[in-house]
Amino acid sequence: MADPRIAYLVLDLAGTACALPREAAAEILPLPELQAAPASGGWLAGFVNLGGRPVPVIDLAGLLGLRSGPAEAGLYAHLVLAADRSVAWLADRVTDLVTVPAPAHRPADPAVSLNGCVAAGLALGDRLVPALDPERLLTEAERRRVEAQARAAAERLSALPDTMPV
């Protein structure tokens, strides 16, 4: 019989613990210098250049309303690169990797969070940590706008010469 445990990354978002399913992440990266978005502001923190392709960086604390101003890159800030590498989520810190047994999952009412982005509550010790559904973090309209910004950033990058004279 398969173990009903699910692995989660525990994130610190402006002092609030949240979790993402481990399977939703391709990599965890230290926060590099970000390129500004063509039209920046809000929770789109900028772009990280991965192999010549600009990947949008979403400030999760800003997106979830846990931080009102722009993210201040701390010493322990991380990017969680989505499994499909289409987006990276900015966290103040990835604090843990935990496996959670099925009885520790508390289903969440999708109507209680924006776009139903909180899928469950995870009983971790004496606290209940919201488990985020990465597919529901952005609305469809937000996803389209971020994709348009990524295309604009790619066009801007492709307009530069491949090599710079020394």
N, C-alpha and C. Protein backbone atom coordinates (compact mmCIF):
# COMPACT_ATOMS: atom_id res chain seq x y z
N MET A 1 0.84 -1.18 0.00
CA MET A 1 0.00 0.00 0.00
C MET A 1 0.89 1.25 0.00
N ALA A 2 0.51 2.24 -0.81
CA ALA A 2 1.29 3.47 -0.92
C ALA A 2 1.17 4.31 0.35
N ASP A 3 2.25 4.98 0.68
CA ASP A 3 2.24 5.88 1.85
C ASP A 3 1.43 7.12 1.48
N PRO A 4 0.41 7.45 2.27
CA PRO A 4 -0.44 8.59 1.94
C PRO A 4 0.15 9.93 2.35
N ARG A 5 1.45 9.99 2.52
CA ARG A 5 2.11 11.25 2.90
C ARG A 5 2.37 12.10 1.66
N ILE A 6 2.30 13.41 1.84
CA ILE A 6 2.59 14.35 0.77
C ILE A 6 3.69 15.28 1.26
N ALA A 7 4.68 15.54 0.41
CA ALA A 7 5.78 16.42 0.76
C ALA A 7 5.42 17.87 0.43
N TYR A 8 5.79 18.77 1.34
CA TYR A 8 5.52 20.20 1.17
C TYR A 8 6.78 21.00 1.50
N LEU A 9 6.96 22.09 0.77
CA LEU A 9 7.95 23.09 1.14
C LEU A 9 7.24 24.09 2.04
N VAL A 10 7.83 24.39 3.18
CA VAL A 10 7.27 25.39 4.08
C VAL A 10 8.00 26.70 3.81
N LEU A 11 7.23 27.75 3.55
CA LEU A 11 7.76 29.05 3.18
C LEU A 11 7.45 30.08 4.25
N ASP A 12 8.37 31.00 4.44
CA ASP A 12 8.12 32.17 5.28
C ASP A 12 7.77 33.30 4.32
N LEU A 13 6.54 33.80 4.44
CA LEU A 13 6.07 34.90 3.61
C LEU A 13 5.70 36.05 4.53
N ALA A 14 6.59 37.01 4.66
CA ALA A 14 6.37 38.18 5.53
C ALA A 14 5.98 37.75 6.95
N GLY A 15 6.65 36.72 7.46
CA GLY A 15 6.38 36.25 8.81
C GLY A 15 5.25 35.26 8.94
N THR A 16 4.61 34.90 7.85
CA THR A 16 3.52 33.92 7.86
C THR A 16 4.00 32.64 7.18
N ALA A 17 3.79 31.51 7.84
CA ALA A 17 4.15 30.22 7.25
C ALA A 17 3.07 29.78 6.27
N CYS A 18 3.48 29.38 5.08
CA CYS A 18 2.60 28.79 4.07
C CYS A 18 3.34 27.60 3.47
N ALA A 19 2.62 26.75 2.78
CA ALA A 19 3.25 25.56 2.20
C ALA A 19 2.87 25.41 0.73
N LEU A 20 3.80 24.89 -0.04
CA LEU A 20 3.57 24.53 -1.44
C LEU A 20 3.89 23.05 -1.60
N PRO A 21 3.09 22.32 -2.38
CA PRO A 21 3.44 20.92 -2.62
C PRO A 21 4.84 20.82 -3.23
N ARG A 22 5.66 19.93 -2.73
CA ARG A 22 7.03 19.76 -3.24
C ARG A 22 7.03 19.46 -4.73
N GLU A 23 6.05 18.72 -5.19
CA GLU A 23 6.00 18.34 -6.61
C GLU A 23 5.77 19.55 -7.52
N ALA A 24 5.35 20.68 -6.96
CA ALA A 24 5.11 21.88 -7.75
C ALA A 24 6.39 22.66 -8.03
N ALA A 25 7.51 22.25 -7.41
CA ALA A 25 8.76 22.99 -7.52
C ALA A 25 9.81 22.19 -8.29
N ALA A 26 10.42 22.84 -9.27
CA ALA A 26 11.53 22.23 -9.99
C ALA A 26 12.83 22.44 -9.23
N GLU A 27 13.02 23.66 -8.69
CA GLU A 27 14.24 24.00 -7.99
C GLU A 27 13.95 25.08 -6.96
N ILE A 28 14.85 25.17 -5.99
CA ILE A 28 14.86 26.29 -5.05
C ILE A 28 16.18 27.00 -5.29
N LEU A 29 16.09 28.30 -5.58
CA LEU A 29 17.27 29.08 -5.93
C LEU A 29 17.47 30.22 -4.95
N PRO A 30 18.74 30.56 -4.67
CA PRO A 30 18.96 31.79 -3.91
C PRO A 30 18.50 32.95 -4.78
N LEU A 31 18.10 34.03 -4.17
CA LEU A 31 17.55 35.15 -4.93
C LEU A 31 18.65 35.89 -5.67
N PRO A 32 18.64 35.84 -7.01
CA PRO A 32 19.61 36.61 -7.78
C PRO A 32 19.09 38.04 -7.98
N GLU A 33 19.89 38.85 -8.64
CA GLU A 33 19.40 40.18 -9.00
C GLU A 33 18.32 40.00 -10.07
N LEU A 34 17.21 40.66 -9.88
CA LEU A 34 16.09 40.53 -10.82
C LEU A 34 16.12 41.65 -11.84
N GLN A 35 15.65 41.33 -13.04
CA GLN A 35 15.45 42.34 -14.07
C GLN A 35 14.09 42.97 -13.83
N ALA A 36 14.01 44.27 -13.99
CA ALA A 36 12.73 44.95 -13.79
C ALA A 36 11.75 44.51 -14.88
N ALA A 37 10.50 44.45 -14.52
CA ALA A 37 9.45 44.12 -15.47
C ALA A 37 9.24 45.32 -16.40
N PRO A 38 8.85 45.09 -17.67
CA PRO A 38 8.59 46.20 -18.58
C PRO A 38 7.60 47.21 -18.00
N ALA A 39 6.59 46.74 -17.33
CA ALA A 39 5.64 47.61 -16.62
C ALA A 39 5.51 47.02 -15.23
N SER A 40 6.38 47.46 -14.32
CA SER A 40 6.44 46.82 -13.01
C SER A 40 5.48 47.43 -12.02
N GLY A 41 5.40 46.78 -10.91
CA GLY A 41 4.55 47.24 -9.82
C GLY A 41 3.81 46.08 -9.21
N GLY A 42 3.34 46.28 -8.00
CA GLY A 42 2.57 45.23 -7.35
C GLY A 42 3.41 44.02 -7.03
N TRP A 43 2.83 42.87 -7.21
CA TRP A 43 3.45 41.62 -6.80
C TRP A 43 4.34 40.99 -7.87
N LEU A 44 4.41 41.58 -9.07
CA LEU A 44 5.36 41.09 -10.08
C LEU A 44 6.71 41.72 -9.75
N ALA A 45 7.58 40.94 -9.11
CA ALA A 45 8.85 41.47 -8.59
C ALA A 45 9.86 41.73 -9.69
N GLY A 46 9.69 41.10 -10.84
CA GLY A 46 10.62 41.24 -11.95
C GLY A 46 10.79 39.91 -12.65
N PHE A 47 11.95 39.75 -13.29
CA PHE A 47 12.24 38.54 -14.05
C PHE A 47 13.63 38.04 -13.69
N VAL A 48 13.76 36.73 -13.71
CA VAL A 48 15.06 36.10 -13.54
C VAL A 48 15.41 35.49 -14.90
N ASN A 49 16.63 35.71 -15.33
CA ASN A 49 17.08 35.20 -16.63
C ASN A 49 17.59 33.78 -16.44
N LEU A 50 16.85 32.81 -16.97
CA LEU A 50 17.26 31.40 -16.89
C LEU A 50 17.56 30.90 -18.29
N GLY A 51 18.82 30.79 -18.61
CA GLY A 51 19.23 30.30 -19.92
C GLY A 51 18.77 31.20 -21.05
N GLY A 52 18.77 32.51 -20.83
CA GLY A 52 18.36 33.44 -21.86
C GLY A 52 16.86 33.65 -21.97
N ARG A 53 16.11 33.06 -21.05
CA ARG A 53 14.66 33.22 -21.06
C ARG A 53 14.22 33.91 -19.77
N PRO A 54 13.53 35.05 -19.92
CA PRO A 54 13.06 35.73 -18.71
C PRO A 54 11.87 34.99 -18.08
N VAL A 55 12.02 34.64 -16.81
CA VAL A 55 10.97 33.93 -16.06
C VAL A 55 10.39 34.92 -15.05
N PRO A 56 9.06 35.14 -15.08
CA PRO A 56 8.46 36.07 -14.14
C PRO A 56 8.61 35.60 -12.70
N VAL A 57 8.89 36.56 -11.80
CA VAL A 57 9.04 36.29 -10.37
C VAL A 57 7.86 36.94 -9.65
N ILE A 58 7.06 36.10 -8.99
CA ILE A 58 5.87 36.54 -8.27
C ILE A 58 6.21 36.62 -6.78
N ASP A 59 6.06 37.80 -6.19
CA ASP A 59 6.25 37.97 -4.75
C ASP A 59 5.00 37.41 -4.06
N LEU A 60 5.12 36.21 -3.50
CA LEU A 60 3.96 35.55 -2.89
C LEU A 60 3.37 36.36 -1.74
N ALA A 61 4.21 36.98 -0.92
CA ALA A 61 3.68 37.78 0.21
C ALA A 61 2.86 38.95 -0.32
N GLY A 62 3.33 39.60 -1.36
CA GLY A 62 2.58 40.70 -1.97
C GLY A 62 1.29 40.21 -2.62
N LEU A 63 1.38 39.10 -3.33
CA LEU A 63 0.21 38.54 -4.01
C LEU A 63 -0.88 38.17 -3.02
N LEU A 64 -0.49 37.61 -1.89
CA LEU A 64 -1.45 37.15 -0.89
C LEU A 64 -1.87 38.24 0.09
N GLY A 65 -1.37 39.46 -0.11
CA GLY A 65 -1.75 40.57 0.75
C GLY A 65 -1.07 40.55 2.11
N LEU A 66 0.04 39.83 2.23
CA LEU A 66 0.77 39.75 3.49
C LEU A 66 1.81 40.86 3.62
N ARG A 67 2.09 41.52 2.49
CA ARG A 67 3.04 42.63 2.47
C ARG A 67 2.45 43.70 1.55
N SER A 68 2.46 44.94 1.99
CA SER A 68 1.86 46.00 1.18
C SER A 68 2.84 46.66 0.24
N GLY A 69 4.10 46.71 0.59
CA GLY A 69 5.10 47.35 -0.26
C GLY A 69 5.88 46.33 -1.06
N PRO A 70 6.87 46.80 -1.80
CA PRO A 70 7.69 45.87 -2.58
C PRO A 70 8.53 44.98 -1.66
N ALA A 71 8.85 43.81 -2.15
CA ALA A 71 9.66 42.87 -1.38
C ALA A 71 11.06 43.43 -1.20
N GLU A 72 11.58 43.30 0.00
CA GLU A 72 12.96 43.66 0.27
C GLU A 72 13.74 42.36 0.36
N ALA A 73 14.67 42.19 -0.57
CA ALA A 73 15.41 40.93 -0.64
C ALA A 73 16.28 40.76 0.59
N GLY A 74 15.91 39.81 1.41
CA GLY A 74 16.68 39.49 2.60
C GLY A 74 17.78 38.50 2.27
N LEU A 75 18.64 38.30 3.23
CA LEU A 75 19.77 37.39 3.06
C LEU A 75 19.32 35.97 2.73
N TYR A 76 18.18 35.56 3.27
CA TYR A 76 17.73 34.18 3.08
C TYR A 76 16.60 34.03 2.07
N ALA A 77 16.34 35.06 1.28
CA ALA A 77 15.25 34.99 0.29
C ALA A 77 15.55 33.90 -0.74
N HIS A 78 14.48 33.25 -1.17
CA HIS A 78 14.59 32.18 -2.15
C HIS A 78 13.58 32.37 -3.28
N LEU A 79 13.92 31.81 -4.42
CA LEU A 79 12.97 31.65 -5.51
C LEU A 79 12.62 30.18 -5.59
N VAL A 80 11.33 29.90 -5.69
CA VAL A 80 10.87 28.54 -5.91
C VAL A 80 10.43 28.49 -7.37
N LEU A 81 11.22 27.82 -8.18
CA LEU A 81 10.93 27.71 -9.61
C LEU A 81 9.85 26.66 -9.81
N ALA A 82 8.77 27.06 -10.47
CA ALA A 82 7.65 26.14 -10.71
C ALA A 82 8.11 24.92 -11.51
N ALA A 83 7.44 23.82 -11.31
CA ALA A 83 7.81 22.57 -11.97
C ALA A 83 7.87 22.72 -13.50
N ASP A 84 6.97 23.54 -14.05
CA ASP A 84 6.98 23.74 -15.51
C ASP A 84 7.91 24.88 -15.93
N ARG A 85 8.59 25.50 -14.97
CA ARG A 85 9.57 26.57 -15.19
C ARG A 85 8.97 27.82 -15.83
N SER A 86 7.67 27.99 -15.70
CA SER A 86 6.99 29.15 -16.30
C SER A 86 7.00 30.37 -15.40
N VAL A 87 7.22 30.15 -14.11
CA VAL A 87 7.17 31.22 -13.13
C VAL A 87 8.03 30.83 -11.94
N ALA A 88 8.50 31.84 -11.20
CA ALA A 88 9.22 31.58 -9.94
C ALA A 88 8.50 32.36 -8.85
N TRP A 89 8.34 31.74 -7.70
CA TRP A 89 7.67 32.37 -6.56
C TRP A 89 8.75 32.85 -5.60
N LEU A 90 8.67 34.12 -5.23
CA LEU A 90 9.60 34.70 -4.28
C LEU A 90 9.09 34.47 -2.86
N ALA A 91 9.95 33.91 -2.03
CA ALA A 91 9.64 33.69 -0.61
C ALA A 91 10.73 34.35 0.22
N ASP A 92 10.36 34.88 1.38
CA ASP A 92 11.37 35.45 2.25
C ASP A 92 12.38 34.38 2.67
N ARG A 93 11.88 33.15 2.73
CA ARG A 93 12.76 32.03 3.04
C ARG A 93 12.00 30.73 2.87
N VAL A 94 12.66 29.72 2.32
CA VAL A 94 12.13 28.35 2.36
C VAL A 94 12.69 27.76 3.64
N THR A 95 11.81 27.45 4.58
CA THR A 95 12.28 27.07 5.91
C THR A 95 12.37 25.57 6.15
N ASP A 96 11.61 24.77 5.38
CA ASP A 96 11.60 23.34 5.69
C ASP A 96 11.01 22.56 4.52
N LEU A 97 11.28 21.29 4.53
CA LEU A 97 10.63 20.31 3.66
C LEU A 97 10.03 19.29 4.61
N VAL A 98 8.71 19.14 4.57
CA VAL A 98 8.03 18.24 5.49
C VAL A 98 7.19 17.24 4.71
N THR A 99 7.00 16.07 5.29
CA THR A 99 6.03 15.12 4.74
C THR A 99 4.87 15.09 5.71
N VAL A 100 3.68 15.19 5.15
CA VAL A 100 2.48 15.33 5.97
C VAL A 100 1.57 14.14 5.72
N PRO A 101 1.20 13.40 6.77
CA PRO A 101 0.28 12.27 6.60
C PRO A 101 -1.13 12.78 6.29
N ALA A 102 -1.90 11.95 5.62
CA ALA A 102 -3.26 12.33 5.22
C ALA A 102 -4.11 12.86 6.38
N PRO A 103 -4.05 12.28 7.59
CA PRO A 103 -4.89 12.81 8.67
C PRO A 103 -4.55 14.25 9.09
N ALA A 104 -3.36 14.73 8.72
CA ALA A 104 -2.97 16.10 9.09
C ALA A 104 -3.45 17.13 8.08
N HIS A 105 -4.11 16.69 7.01
CA HIS A 105 -4.68 17.61 6.02
C HIS A 105 -6.09 18.01 6.43
N ARG A 106 -6.34 19.29 6.47
CA ARG A 106 -7.68 19.81 6.76
C ARG A 106 -8.18 20.51 5.51
N PRO A 107 -9.16 19.96 4.80
CA PRO A 107 -9.63 20.60 3.57
C PRO A 107 -10.08 22.04 3.83
N ALA A 108 -9.81 22.91 2.86
CA ALA A 108 -10.20 24.32 2.97
C ALA A 108 -11.36 24.60 2.02
N ASP A 109 -12.24 25.46 2.43
CA ASP A 109 -13.35 25.90 1.59
C ASP A 109 -12.78 26.83 0.52
N PRO A 110 -12.90 26.49 -0.77
CA PRO A 110 -12.33 27.33 -1.82
C PRO A 110 -12.90 28.75 -1.85
N ALA A 111 -14.09 28.93 -1.31
CA ALA A 111 -14.71 30.26 -1.31
C ALA A 111 -14.07 31.20 -0.29
N VAL A 112 -13.26 30.67 0.62
CA VAL A 112 -12.69 31.48 1.69
C VAL A 112 -11.42 32.22 1.24
N SER A 113 -10.73 31.72 0.21
CA SER A 113 -9.50 32.37 -0.26
C SER A 113 -9.68 32.82 -1.71
N LEU A 114 -8.95 33.85 -2.08
CA LEU A 114 -9.02 34.40 -3.43
C LEU A 114 -8.70 33.32 -4.45
N ASN A 115 -9.61 33.11 -5.37
CA ASN A 115 -9.45 32.11 -6.43
C ASN A 115 -9.28 30.70 -5.87
N GLY A 116 -9.61 30.49 -4.59
CA GLY A 116 -9.46 29.17 -3.98
C GLY A 116 -8.02 28.74 -3.86
N CYS A 117 -7.09 29.70 -3.70
CA CYS A 117 -5.66 29.38 -3.71
C CYS A 117 -5.20 28.61 -2.47
N VAL A 118 -5.96 28.65 -1.38
CA VAL A 118 -5.62 27.83 -0.21
C VAL A 118 -6.39 26.52 -0.33
N ALA A 119 -5.65 25.45 -0.56
CA ALA A 119 -6.26 24.15 -0.81
C ALA A 119 -6.57 23.39 0.47
N ALA A 120 -5.74 23.62 1.51
CA ALA A 120 -5.90 22.86 2.76
C ALA A 120 -5.16 23.57 3.87
N GLY A 121 -5.44 23.13 5.07
CA GLY A 121 -4.64 23.51 6.22
C GLY A 121 -3.86 22.28 6.63
N LEU A 122 -2.59 22.46 6.95
CA LEU A 122 -1.75 21.35 7.36
C LEU A 122 -1.47 21.46 8.85
N ALA A 123 -1.83 20.44 9.59
CA ALA A 123 -1.54 20.42 11.02
C ALA A 123 -0.08 20.02 11.20
N LEU A 124 0.75 21.03 11.49
CA LEU A 124 2.18 20.80 11.70
C LEU A 124 2.50 21.16 13.13
N GLY A 125 2.61 20.15 13.96
CA GLY A 125 2.82 20.39 15.38
C GLY A 125 1.60 21.09 15.96
N ASP A 126 1.82 22.25 16.57
CA ASP A 126 0.72 22.99 17.20
C ASP A 126 0.18 24.11 16.32
N ARG A 127 0.54 24.12 15.05
CA ARG A 127 0.06 25.19 14.17
C ARG A 127 -0.63 24.61 12.94
N LEU A 128 -1.49 25.42 12.35
CA LEU A 128 -2.18 25.06 11.11
C LEU A 128 -1.61 25.94 10.01
N VAL A 129 -0.95 25.33 9.04
CA VAL A 129 -0.27 26.06 7.97
C VAL A 129 -1.08 25.94 6.68
N PRO A 130 -1.40 27.07 6.05
CA PRO A 130 -2.16 26.99 4.80
C PRO A 130 -1.31 26.37 3.69
N ALA A 131 -1.89 25.39 3.01
CA ALA A 131 -1.24 24.76 1.85
C ALA A 131 -1.81 25.43 0.60
N LEU A 132 -0.93 26.01 -0.20
CA LEU A 132 -1.33 26.74 -1.38
C LEU A 132 -1.42 25.83 -2.59
N ASP A 133 -2.39 26.09 -3.45
CA ASP A 133 -2.53 25.38 -4.72
C ASP A 133 -1.87 26.24 -5.78
N PRO A 134 -0.70 25.84 -6.30
CA PRO A 134 0.03 26.69 -7.24
C PRO A 134 -0.76 26.98 -8.52
N GLU A 135 -1.66 26.10 -8.89
CA GLU A 135 -2.47 26.32 -10.09
C GLU A 135 -3.52 27.41 -9.88
N ARG A 136 -3.78 27.77 -8.62
CA ARG A 136 -4.83 28.74 -8.33
C ARG A 136 -4.29 30.03 -7.70
N LEU A 137 -2.96 30.16 -7.65
CA LEU A 137 -2.39 31.38 -7.07
C LEU A 137 -2.72 32.61 -7.91
N LEU A 138 -2.72 32.44 -9.21
CA LEU A 138 -3.07 33.55 -10.11
C LEU A 138 -4.41 33.27 -10.76
N THR A 139 -5.21 34.31 -10.93
CA THR A 139 -6.44 34.17 -11.70
C THR A 139 -6.06 34.04 -13.17
N GLU A 140 -6.98 33.66 -13.99
CA GLU A 140 -6.70 33.54 -15.42
C GLU A 140 -6.29 34.88 -16.02
N ALA A 141 -6.94 35.95 -15.61
CA ALA A 141 -6.59 37.29 -16.12
C ALA A 141 -5.18 37.67 -15.68
N GLU A 142 -4.83 37.38 -14.42
CA GLU A 142 -3.49 37.68 -13.94
C GLU A 142 -2.45 36.86 -14.70
N ARG A 143 -2.76 35.60 -14.94
CA ARG A 143 -1.84 34.72 -15.66
C ARG A 143 -1.59 35.27 -17.08
N ARG A 144 -2.64 35.71 -17.74
CA ARG A 144 -2.47 36.26 -19.10
C ARG A 144 -1.61 37.52 -19.07
N ARG A 145 -1.81 38.38 -18.09
CA ARG A 145 -1.01 39.61 -18.00
C ARG A 145 0.45 39.31 -17.71
N VAL A 146 0.71 38.36 -16.83
CA VAL A 146 2.09 37.99 -16.52
C VAL A 146 2.75 37.38 -17.77
N GLU A 147 2.03 36.54 -18.49
CA GLU A 147 2.58 35.97 -19.73
C GLU A 147 2.89 37.05 -20.75
N ALA A 148 2.03 38.08 -20.86
CA ALA A 148 2.28 39.19 -21.77
C ALA A 148 3.53 39.96 -21.35
N GLN A 149 3.71 40.16 -20.03
CA GLN A 149 4.91 40.83 -19.53
C GLN A 149 6.16 39.99 -19.85
N ALA A 150 6.05 38.67 -19.72
CA ALA A 150 7.18 37.79 -20.02
C ALA A 150 7.53 37.86 -21.51
N ARG A 151 6.53 37.91 -22.37
CA ARG A 151 6.80 38.05 -23.81
C ARG A 151 7.49 39.38 -24.10
N ALA A 152 7.03 40.46 -23.47
CA ALA A 152 7.65 41.77 -23.67
C ALA A 152 9.10 41.77 -23.18
N ALA A 153 9.36 41.11 -22.05
CA ALA A 153 10.73 41.03 -21.53
C ALA A 153 11.61 40.21 -22.47
N ALA A 154 11.07 39.13 -23.04
CA ALA A 154 11.83 38.31 -23.98
C ALA A 154 12.15 39.10 -25.25
N GLU A 155 11.18 39.87 -25.73
CA GLU A 155 11.42 40.70 -26.92
C GLU A 155 12.49 41.75 -26.63
N ARG A 156 12.44 42.35 -25.47
CA ARG A 156 13.43 43.35 -25.09
C ARG A 156 14.82 42.70 -25.02
N LEU A 157 14.91 41.51 -24.45
CA LEU A 157 16.17 40.79 -24.34
C LEU A 157 16.69 40.39 -25.72
N SER A 158 15.80 39.94 -26.60
CA SER A 158 16.24 39.49 -27.93
C SER A 158 16.70 40.65 -28.80
N ALA A 159 16.33 41.87 -28.47
CA ALA A 159 16.76 43.04 -29.25
C ALA A 159 18.21 43.41 -28.97
N LEU A 160 18.78 42.86 -27.90
CA LEU A 160 20.18 43.13 -27.58
C LEU A 160 21.09 42.23 -28.37
N PRO A 161 22.28 42.70 -28.71
CA PRO A 161 23.22 41.82 -29.41
C PRO A 161 23.63 40.66 -28.50
N ASP A 162 23.99 39.53 -29.13
CA ASP A 162 24.40 38.35 -28.36
C ASP A 162 25.68 38.60 -27.58
N THR A 163 26.60 39.36 -28.14
CA THR A 163 27.85 39.65 -27.45
C THR A 163 28.04 41.16 -27.41
N MET A 164 28.68 41.59 -26.39
CA MET A 164 28.98 43.00 -26.23
C MET A 164 30.46 43.18 -26.51
N PRO A 165 30.85 44.25 -27.25
CA PRO A 165 32.29 44.48 -27.46
C PRO A 165 32.97 44.77 -26.14
N VAL A 166 34.21 44.32 -26.05
CA VAL A 166 34.96 44.52 -24.81
C VAL A 166 35.87 45.72 -24.93
